[in-house]
Amino acid sequence: MIRFNLAKTIYIAMIFVLLGCDNSSDKPEIPDEKPGNIIQISQDKFVSDKMKIGESVVVDFADELQCSGYIQASVNGIAEISSHISGTVEAINYSVGDHVKKGQILSKLSGKELIMLQQEFIETSSNLKNTQSDFERTKILFNDKIGSEKEFMAVQSQYQVAKSQFQSLKLRLELLNLDIEKIKAGNIYSEFPVIAPISGHITNINLVLGQFVETQSKLFEIVDINKLQLQLSVFEKNISKLSIGQDIRFNSPGAQTSVHIAELVSIEKTIDPESKTILCKAKIKFEDGDNFINRSYVEANIIVNRRPANALPSEAIIASGKDSYVYIVEKIENDIYYLRKETISIGSLFSGYAEIMTPGIISKVINAGASKI
């Protein structure tokens, strides 16, 4: 009986020994928190978690007004091209998305109206020469008291009408980008070009080969992306905070991480009675690789009330409920970092920094990798 109890005691003791054995090297390193709010971390953890030590710095903070709007071409950055006379499409030289330069031929049209216009111009040009000759002859006779004033006035009127008709037809043909001197010489054009009035990208084409187009029909749209601007709607209550020259940060909803900069250049004087907003325009500060699209929606923040403030990188701040704190390096001994939690008061967040309301410079702060402690 004694032997049985001894064996049972030894067996239970062995179970406790086995349960107590553990390979601590298989567990991740956990910071050793000591009394007095001090935490210890090793050099290996400091390096592997890419921690850095720094201090608070002075950063320009600003309030931001949230608004939204669209990217729009400026008035001289967009062109809708139409034909001055009707005709049939004979050629289309470009497609949507192509870049064209001012003066390049977009398409060619032909038609009966073109032929008739040229014929009328040639006839009017010939009539003008005859009328001018009669006018000069009659003027000489009138000045010499040989011709009557009534005859001179009639010829003068005919000459002025012929001259006016000639100038009108000449201007119409020049709008079609045709050589007037060649037409005067009897060389009739069978087609006329549609010319790009600005440089830019073709964003819309409303014609096909063989199509008959009417006068003033919209054929092409060209947008110069270098003249795109922001058109933003700002609520009425925030108008007093706006001023020309303020910076604006904006992005498209589908590209939140891609932030672009613009400058406020105009504030309209009329409030929309329905939306209670005022329209503002901003000039985009273009950078290499920017690829904006006309009429695309954007979300923006207008930067107002700039001020310098003591700050730390946002990643240095650890939030715990309503409190915020940072880790201060007390000392480094034998490759061990001794860190102390310190509660701080923070204000605004701006451009990756947190405003520190606690007075004075805070030094020896873990300002990178603090969330991994």
Protein backbone atom coordinates (compact mmCIF):
# COMPACT_ATOMS: atom_id res chain seq x y z
CA MET A 1 0.00 0.00 0.00
CA ILE A 2 2.84 2.41 0.84
CA ARG A 3 4.58 1.49 -2.42
CA PHE A 4 1.38 2.21 -4.37
CA ASN A 5 0.99 5.69 -2.83
CA LEU A 6 4.67 6.49 -3.49
CA ALA A 7 4.34 5.45 -7.13
CA LYS A 8 1.18 7.53 -7.52
CA THR A 9 2.94 10.58 -6.03
CA ILE A 10 5.93 10.22 -8.40
CA TYR A 11 3.56 9.86 -11.41
CA ILE A 12 1.66 13.05 -10.59
CA ALA A 13 4.92 14.96 -10.03
CA MET A 14 6.18 13.88 -13.46
CA ILE A 15 2.97 15.18 -15.10
CA PHE A 16 3.47 18.61 -13.52
CA VAL A 17 7.10 18.68 -14.66
CA LEU A 18 6.11 17.81 -18.24
CA LEU A 19 3.35 20.43 -18.28
CA GLY A 20 5.76 23.01 -16.96
CA CYS A 21 8.25 22.42 -19.77
CA ASP A 22 7.86 24.89 -22.67
CA ASN A 23 10.09 26.01 -25.50
CA SER A 24 9.88 29.75 -25.08
CA SER A 25 11.99 30.34 -28.19
CA ASP A 26 9.00 29.36 -30.37
CA LYS A 27 6.90 32.27 -29.10
CA PRO A 28 7.09 35.82 -30.60
CA GLU A 29 8.96 38.30 -28.49
CA ILE A 30 6.66 40.23 -26.17
CA PRO A 31 7.89 43.53 -24.72
CA ASP A 32 8.65 43.18 -21.03
CA GLU A 33 6.63 45.76 -19.14
CA LYS A 34 8.23 46.69 -15.84
CA PRO A 35 6.79 48.58 -12.89
CA GLY A 36 6.72 52.35 -13.36
CA ASN A 37 5.23 52.16 -16.90
CA ILE A 38 8.59 51.13 -18.42
CA ILE A 39 8.69 48.73 -21.39
CA GLN A 40 11.79 46.89 -22.58
CA ILE A 41 12.38 45.86 -26.19
CA SER A 42 15.42 44.27 -27.75
CA GLN A 43 17.67 45.67 -30.45
CA ASP A 44 16.51 42.91 -32.80
CA LYS A 45 12.86 43.93 -32.43
CA PHE A 46 13.74 47.60 -32.84
CA VAL A 47 15.46 46.87 -36.16
CA SER A 48 13.01 44.28 -37.51
CA ASP A 49 10.00 46.53 -36.84
CA LYS A 50 11.80 49.47 -38.51
CA MET A 51 11.47 51.72 -35.49
CA LYS A 52 12.99 55.18 -35.46
CA ILE A 53 13.75 57.72 -32.76
CA GLY A 54 13.02 61.41 -33.31
CA GLU A 55 11.54 64.52 -31.79
CA SER A 56 8.62 66.85 -32.38
CA VAL A 57 9.04 69.41 -35.15
CA VAL A 58 7.29 72.60 -36.23
CA VAL A 59 4.87 71.93 -39.09
CA ASP A 60 2.50 74.25 -40.95
CA PHE A 61 -1.04 73.19 -40.09
CA ALA A 62 -4.22 74.37 -41.74
CA ASP A 63 -7.93 73.90 -41.56
CA GLU A 64 -9.56 72.23 -44.55
CA LEU A 65 -12.90 72.92 -46.21
CA GLN A 66 -14.32 69.81 -47.81
CA CYS A 67 -16.07 70.28 -51.13
CA SER A 68 -16.61 68.53 -54.43
CA GLY A 69 -16.91 69.37 -58.10
CA TYR A 70 -15.66 68.53 -61.54
CA ILE A 71 -12.62 68.87 -63.76
CA GLN A 72 -13.66 71.21 -66.56
CA ALA A 73 -11.89 72.65 -69.56
CA SER A 74 -11.40 76.42 -69.43
CA VAL A 75 -13.21 78.51 -72.02
CA ASN A 76 -10.13 78.62 -74.27
CA GLY A 77 -9.24 74.98 -73.63
CA ILE A 78 -12.17 73.32 -75.41
CA ALA A 79 -13.47 73.59 -78.98
CA GLU A 80 -16.57 72.25 -80.67
CA ILE A 81 -15.96 72.14 -84.42
CA SER A 82 -18.74 72.43 -86.96
CA SER A 83 -19.06 73.15 -90.68
CA HIS A 84 -19.92 76.60 -92.01
CA ILE A 85 -21.79 75.06 -94.95
CA SER A 86 -23.52 71.73 -95.51
CA GLY A 87 -21.75 68.88 -97.28
CA THR A 88 -20.92 65.19 -97.47
CA VAL A 89 -18.10 63.65 -95.42
CA GLU A 90 -15.31 62.53 -97.74
CA ALA A 91 -12.52 61.82 -95.22
CA ILE A 92 -11.99 61.48 -91.45
CA ASN A 93 -8.32 61.70 -90.50
CA TYR A 94 -8.39 61.07 -86.74
CA SER A 95 -10.13 59.04 -84.04
CA VAL A 96 -11.29 59.76 -80.49
CA GLY A 97 -8.29 60.04 -78.17
CA ASP A 98 -5.87 61.21 -80.85
CA HIS A 99 -3.82 64.33 -80.20
CA VAL A 100 -3.97 66.99 -82.88
CA LYS A 101 -2.23 70.31 -83.36
CA LYS A 102 -3.88 73.59 -84.25
CA GLY A 103 -4.31 73.86 -88.02
CA GLN A 104 -4.33 70.14 -88.81
CA ILE A 105 -7.05 68.81 -91.12
CA LEU A 106 -9.58 66.74 -89.19
CA SER A 107 -11.83 65.80 -92.11
CA LYS A 108 -12.92 66.89 -95.60
CA LEU A 109 -16.40 67.69 -96.90
CA SER A 110 -17.78 68.16 -100.39
CA GLY A 111 -21.13 69.27 -101.77
CA LYS A 112 -23.24 71.34 -104.11
CA GLU A 113 -23.25 74.34 -101.77
CA LEU A 114 -19.45 74.56 -101.98
CA ILE A 115 -19.52 74.63 -105.79
CA MET A 116 -22.29 77.24 -105.93
CA LEU A 117 -20.50 79.46 -103.42
CA GLN A 118 -17.35 79.48 -105.51
CA GLN A 119 -19.27 80.18 -108.74
CA GLU A 120 -21.07 83.08 -107.08
CA PHE A 121 -17.76 84.46 -105.83
CA ILE A 122 -16.20 84.34 -109.31
CA GLU A 123 -19.23 86.11 -110.83
CA THR A 124 -19.25 88.71 -108.07
CA SER A 125 -15.53 89.29 -108.49
CA SER A 126 -15.98 89.89 -112.23
CA ASN A 127 -18.96 92.16 -111.61
CA LEU A 128 -16.98 94.16 -109.07
CA LYS A 129 -14.26 94.87 -111.61
CA ASN A 130 -16.82 96.16 -114.11
CA THR A 131 -18.70 98.18 -111.53
CA GLN A 132 -15.46 99.67 -110.20
CA SER A 133 -14.45 100.70 -113.71
CA ASP A 134 -17.84 102.38 -114.29
CA PHE A 135 -17.59 104.11 -110.92
CA GLU A 136 -14.14 105.54 -111.64
CA ARG A 137 -15.19 106.73 -115.12
CA THR A 138 -18.39 108.34 -113.82
CA LYS A 139 -16.50 109.96 -110.96
CA ILE A 140 -14.10 111.63 -113.40
CA LEU A 141 -16.97 112.93 -115.55
CA PHE A 142 -18.78 114.22 -112.47
CA ASN A 143 -15.67 115.99 -111.17
CA ASP A 144 -15.22 117.59 -114.62
CA LYS A 145 -18.84 118.82 -114.55
CA ILE A 146 -19.66 116.63 -117.55
CA GLY A 147 -21.74 113.89 -115.88
CA SER A 148 -24.81 114.44 -113.74
CA GLU A 149 -24.85 113.98 -109.98
CA LYS A 150 -27.81 111.59 -110.26
CA GLU A 151 -25.88 109.26 -112.58
CA PHE A 152 -22.80 109.41 -110.34
CA MET A 153 -24.80 108.55 -107.21
CA ALA A 154 -26.46 105.55 -108.95
CA VAL A 155 -23.14 104.14 -110.15
CA GLN A 156 -21.54 104.75 -106.76
CA SER A 157 -24.37 102.82 -105.07
CA GLN A 158 -23.97 99.90 -107.49
CA TYR A 159 -20.24 99.84 -106.83
CA GLN A 160 -20.69 99.79 -103.04
CA VAL A 161 -23.22 96.93 -103.29
CA ALA A 162 -20.91 94.90 -105.53
CA LYS A 163 -17.97 95.54 -103.19
CA SER A 164 -20.02 94.45 -100.16
CA GLN A 165 -21.16 91.25 -101.91
CA PHE A 166 -17.58 90.47 -102.89
CA GLN A 167 -16.28 90.93 -99.34
CA SER A 168 -19.08 88.80 -97.89
CA LEU A 169 -18.41 85.88 -100.26
CA LYS A 170 -14.65 86.26 -99.76
CA LEU A 171 -15.03 85.95 -95.97
CA ARG A 172 -17.27 82.88 -96.33
CA LEU A 173 -14.67 81.14 -98.49
CA GLU A 174 -11.86 82.11 -96.10
CA LEU A 175 -13.83 80.47 -93.28
CA LEU A 176 -13.63 77.27 -95.35
CA ASN A 177 -9.81 77.64 -95.46
CA LEU A 178 -9.73 77.93 -99.26
CA ASP A 179 -7.23 79.91 -101.37
CA ILE A 180 -9.13 82.94 -102.65
CA GLU A 181 -6.63 83.78 -105.39
CA LYS A 182 -6.92 80.30 -106.91
CA ILE A 183 -10.71 80.58 -106.99
CA LYS A 184 -10.45 84.01 -108.61
CA ALA A 185 -8.33 82.42 -111.29
CA GLY A 186 -11.10 79.91 -111.97
CA ASN A 187 -9.75 76.93 -110.00
CA ILE A 188 -12.79 75.39 -108.30
CA TYR A 189 -12.34 73.27 -105.18
CA SER A 190 -14.31 70.00 -105.04
CA GLU A 191 -13.98 69.70 -101.25
CA PHE A 192 -13.01 71.78 -98.26
CA PRO A 193 -11.11 70.90 -95.04
CA VAL A 194 -12.37 70.98 -91.44
CA ILE A 195 -9.47 72.45 -89.44
CA ALA A 196 -8.56 72.02 -85.74
CA PRO A 197 -8.81 75.49 -84.12
CA ILE A 198 -6.78 74.47 -81.04
CA SER A 199 -4.25 71.81 -80.05
CA GLY A 200 -5.51 69.00 -77.84
CA HIS A 201 -7.10 65.57 -77.71
CA ILE A 202 -10.20 64.64 -79.69
CA THR A 203 -12.88 63.72 -77.16
CA ASN A 204 -15.87 63.31 -79.44
CA ILE A 205 -16.61 62.64 -83.14
CA ASN A 206 -20.14 62.93 -84.55
CA LEU A 207 -19.71 61.94 -88.20
CA VAL A 208 -19.06 58.96 -90.46
CA LEU A 209 -17.92 58.63 -94.06
CA GLY A 210 -20.64 59.49 -96.57
CA GLN A 211 -22.78 61.29 -93.99
CA PHE A 212 -24.48 64.52 -95.05
CA VAL A 213 -23.95 67.18 -92.39
CA GLU A 214 -25.94 70.35 -91.99
CA THR A 215 -24.55 73.79 -91.32
CA GLN A 216 -23.42 74.26 -87.69
CA SER A 217 -23.69 70.53 -86.92
CA LYS A 218 -21.23 69.55 -84.17
CA LEU A 219 -18.60 67.35 -85.83
CA PHE A 220 -15.67 67.19 -83.40
CA GLU A 221 -14.81 68.16 -79.83
CA ILE A 222 -11.20 68.90 -78.84
CA VAL A 223 -9.98 69.42 -75.27
CA ASP A 224 -6.58 70.80 -74.32
CA ILE A 225 -5.82 68.88 -71.11
CA ASN A 226 -3.17 71.47 -70.19
CA LYS A 227 -5.98 73.98 -69.74
CA LEU A 228 -8.21 71.86 -67.54
CA GLN A 229 -9.32 73.43 -64.26
CA LEU A 230 -11.35 72.59 -61.18
CA GLN A 231 -14.93 73.78 -60.81
CA LEU A 232 -15.91 73.37 -57.16
CA SER A 233 -19.08 74.01 -55.16
CA VAL A 234 -18.50 75.47 -51.68
CA PHE A 235 -21.27 75.89 -49.11
CA GLU A 236 -22.47 79.41 -48.36
CA LYS A 237 -21.43 79.26 -44.67
CA ASN A 238 -17.76 78.81 -45.66
CA ILE A 239 -17.50 81.70 -48.15
CA SER A 240 -15.85 84.02 -45.60
CA LYS A 241 -12.93 81.59 -45.26
CA LEU A 242 -12.11 81.65 -48.97
CA SER A 243 -9.46 83.82 -50.62
CA ILE A 244 -7.71 83.81 -53.98
CA GLY A 245 -4.41 81.90 -53.98
CA GLN A 246 -5.35 79.20 -51.44
CA ASP A 247 -4.04 75.70 -52.16
CA ILE A 248 -6.45 72.88 -52.87
CA ARG A 249 -5.81 69.15 -52.53
CA PHE A 250 -8.06 66.98 -54.69
CA ASN A 251 -8.45 63.43 -55.93
CA SER A 252 -10.89 61.21 -57.78
CA PRO A 253 -13.03 58.88 -55.62
CA GLY A 254 -11.46 55.85 -57.30
CA ALA A 255 -7.90 57.02 -56.59
CA GLN A 256 -7.85 58.17 -52.97
CA THR A 257 -4.09 57.80 -52.59
CA SER A 258 -3.32 59.94 -55.64
CA VAL A 259 -3.55 63.52 -54.37
CA HIS A 260 -3.13 66.50 -56.71
CA ILE A 261 -2.69 70.20 -56.03
CA ALA A 262 -4.55 73.20 -57.44
CA GLU A 263 -4.75 76.92 -56.67
CA LEU A 264 -7.96 78.87 -56.12
CA VAL A 265 -8.18 81.52 -58.86
CA SER A 266 -11.78 82.76 -58.83
CA ILE A 267 -14.81 82.95 -56.53
CA GLU A 268 -18.14 83.73 -58.13
CA LYS A 269 -20.50 86.31 -56.67
CA THR A 270 -23.78 84.42 -56.97
CA ILE A 271 -25.08 81.71 -54.63
CA ASP A 272 -27.12 78.85 -56.06
CA PRO A 273 -30.52 79.17 -54.31
CA GLU A 274 -31.17 75.41 -54.37
CA SER A 275 -27.83 73.94 -53.26
CA LYS A 276 -26.79 76.99 -51.18
CA THR A 277 -23.32 76.80 -52.70
CA ILE A 278 -21.04 79.17 -54.56
CA LEU A 279 -18.98 78.20 -57.59
CA CYS A 280 -15.17 78.42 -57.35
CA LYS A 281 -12.55 77.75 -59.98
CA ALA A 282 -9.00 76.53 -59.41
CA LYS A 283 -5.95 76.19 -61.62
CA ILE A 284 -4.44 72.69 -61.58
CA LYS A 285 -0.71 72.41 -60.88
CA PHE A 286 0.23 69.76 -63.40
CA GLU A 287 2.96 67.19 -62.77
CA ASP A 288 4.52 64.58 -65.01
CA GLY A 289 2.25 61.58 -65.42
CA ASP A 290 -1.01 63.42 -64.65
CA ASN A 291 -3.84 62.13 -66.83
CA PHE A 292 -6.99 64.09 -66.08
CA ILE A 293 -10.31 63.59 -67.85
CA ASN A 294 -12.65 66.43 -68.72
CA ARG A 295 -15.94 66.48 -66.75
CA SER A 296 -14.72 63.88 -64.22
CA TYR A 297 -15.93 64.14 -60.60
CA VAL A 298 -13.45 65.07 -57.84
CA GLU A 299 -13.42 65.48 -54.07
CA ALA A 300 -11.36 68.38 -52.74
CA ASN A 301 -10.09 70.10 -49.60
CA ILE A 302 -9.42 73.83 -49.67
CA ILE A 303 -6.60 74.67 -47.27
CA VAL A 304 -7.39 77.68 -45.08
CA ASN A 305 -6.02 79.33 -41.91
CA ARG A 306 -2.41 78.15 -42.10
CA ARG A 307 -0.47 78.23 -38.81
CA PRO A 308 2.78 76.73 -37.46
CA ALA A 309 2.45 74.12 -34.69
CA ASN A 310 4.55 71.60 -32.76
CA ALA A 311 3.86 68.14 -34.23
CA LEU A 312 4.81 64.49 -34.46
CA PRO A 313 4.24 62.01 -37.28
CA SER A 314 0.77 60.51 -36.95
CA GLU A 315 2.24 57.00 -36.69
CA ALA A 316 4.04 58.02 -33.48
CA ILE A 317 0.69 58.52 -31.73
CA ILE A 318 -1.02 55.55 -30.07
CA ALA A 319 -4.73 55.96 -29.38
CA SER A 320 -6.26 54.22 -26.38
CA GLY A 321 -9.89 55.08 -25.85
CA LYS A 322 -10.10 58.82 -25.36
CA ASP A 323 -6.40 59.08 -24.53
CA SER A 324 -3.34 59.35 -26.74
CA TYR A 325 0.22 58.55 -25.81
CA VAL A 326 3.73 58.13 -27.22
CA TYR A 327 6.75 56.02 -26.31
CA ILE A 328 9.76 57.93 -24.93
CA VAL A 329 13.19 56.29 -24.91
CA GLU A 330 14.45 56.52 -21.31
CA LYS A 331 17.77 54.80 -21.98
CA ILE A 332 19.52 52.14 -24.05
CA GLU A 333 21.66 49.55 -22.22
CA ASN A 334 23.10 46.26 -23.43
CA ASP A 335 21.04 46.40 -26.65
CA ILE A 336 17.85 46.88 -24.64
CA TYR A 337 15.59 49.90 -25.19
CA TYR A 338 13.78 51.15 -22.12
CA LEU A 339 10.58 52.93 -23.18
CA ARG A 340 8.17 54.98 -21.12
CA LYS A 341 4.53 55.61 -22.02
CA GLU A 342 3.68 59.29 -21.90
CA THR A 343 0.17 60.63 -22.33
CA ILE A 344 -0.10 63.68 -24.59
CA SER A 345 -2.82 65.96 -25.87
CA ILE A 346 -3.22 66.20 -29.63
CA GLY A 347 -5.07 68.69 -31.81
CA SER A 348 -5.51 68.68 -35.57
CA LEU A 349 -4.31 66.06 -38.01
CA PHE A 350 -2.83 67.36 -41.25
CA SER A 351 -0.74 65.89 -44.04
CA GLY A 352 0.55 62.92 -42.01
CA TYR A 353 1.25 64.88 -38.81
CA ALA A 354 -0.56 65.27 -35.49
CA GLU A 355 -0.57 68.63 -33.71
CA ILE A 356 0.87 68.34 -30.17
CA MET A 357 -0.98 70.53 -27.67
CA THR A 358 1.39 69.58 -24.83
CA PRO A 359 3.86 72.49 -24.48
CA GLY A 360 7.55 72.13 -25.25
CA ILE A 361 9.62 69.94 -27.58
CA ILE A 362 9.16 66.21 -27.10
CA SER A 363 12.43 64.39 -27.79
CA LYS A 364 13.56 60.77 -28.01
CA VAL A 365 10.16 59.66 -29.30
CA ILE A 366 9.54 56.44 -31.19
CA ASN A 367 8.13 58.16 -34.28
CA ALA A 368 8.09 55.11 -36.56
CA GLY A 369 6.94 51.58 -35.74
CA ALA A 370 5.28 52.58 -32.48
CA SER A 371 2.14 50.59 -33.26
CA LYS A 372 4.19 47.37 -33.22
CA ILE A 373 5.31 47.74 -29.60
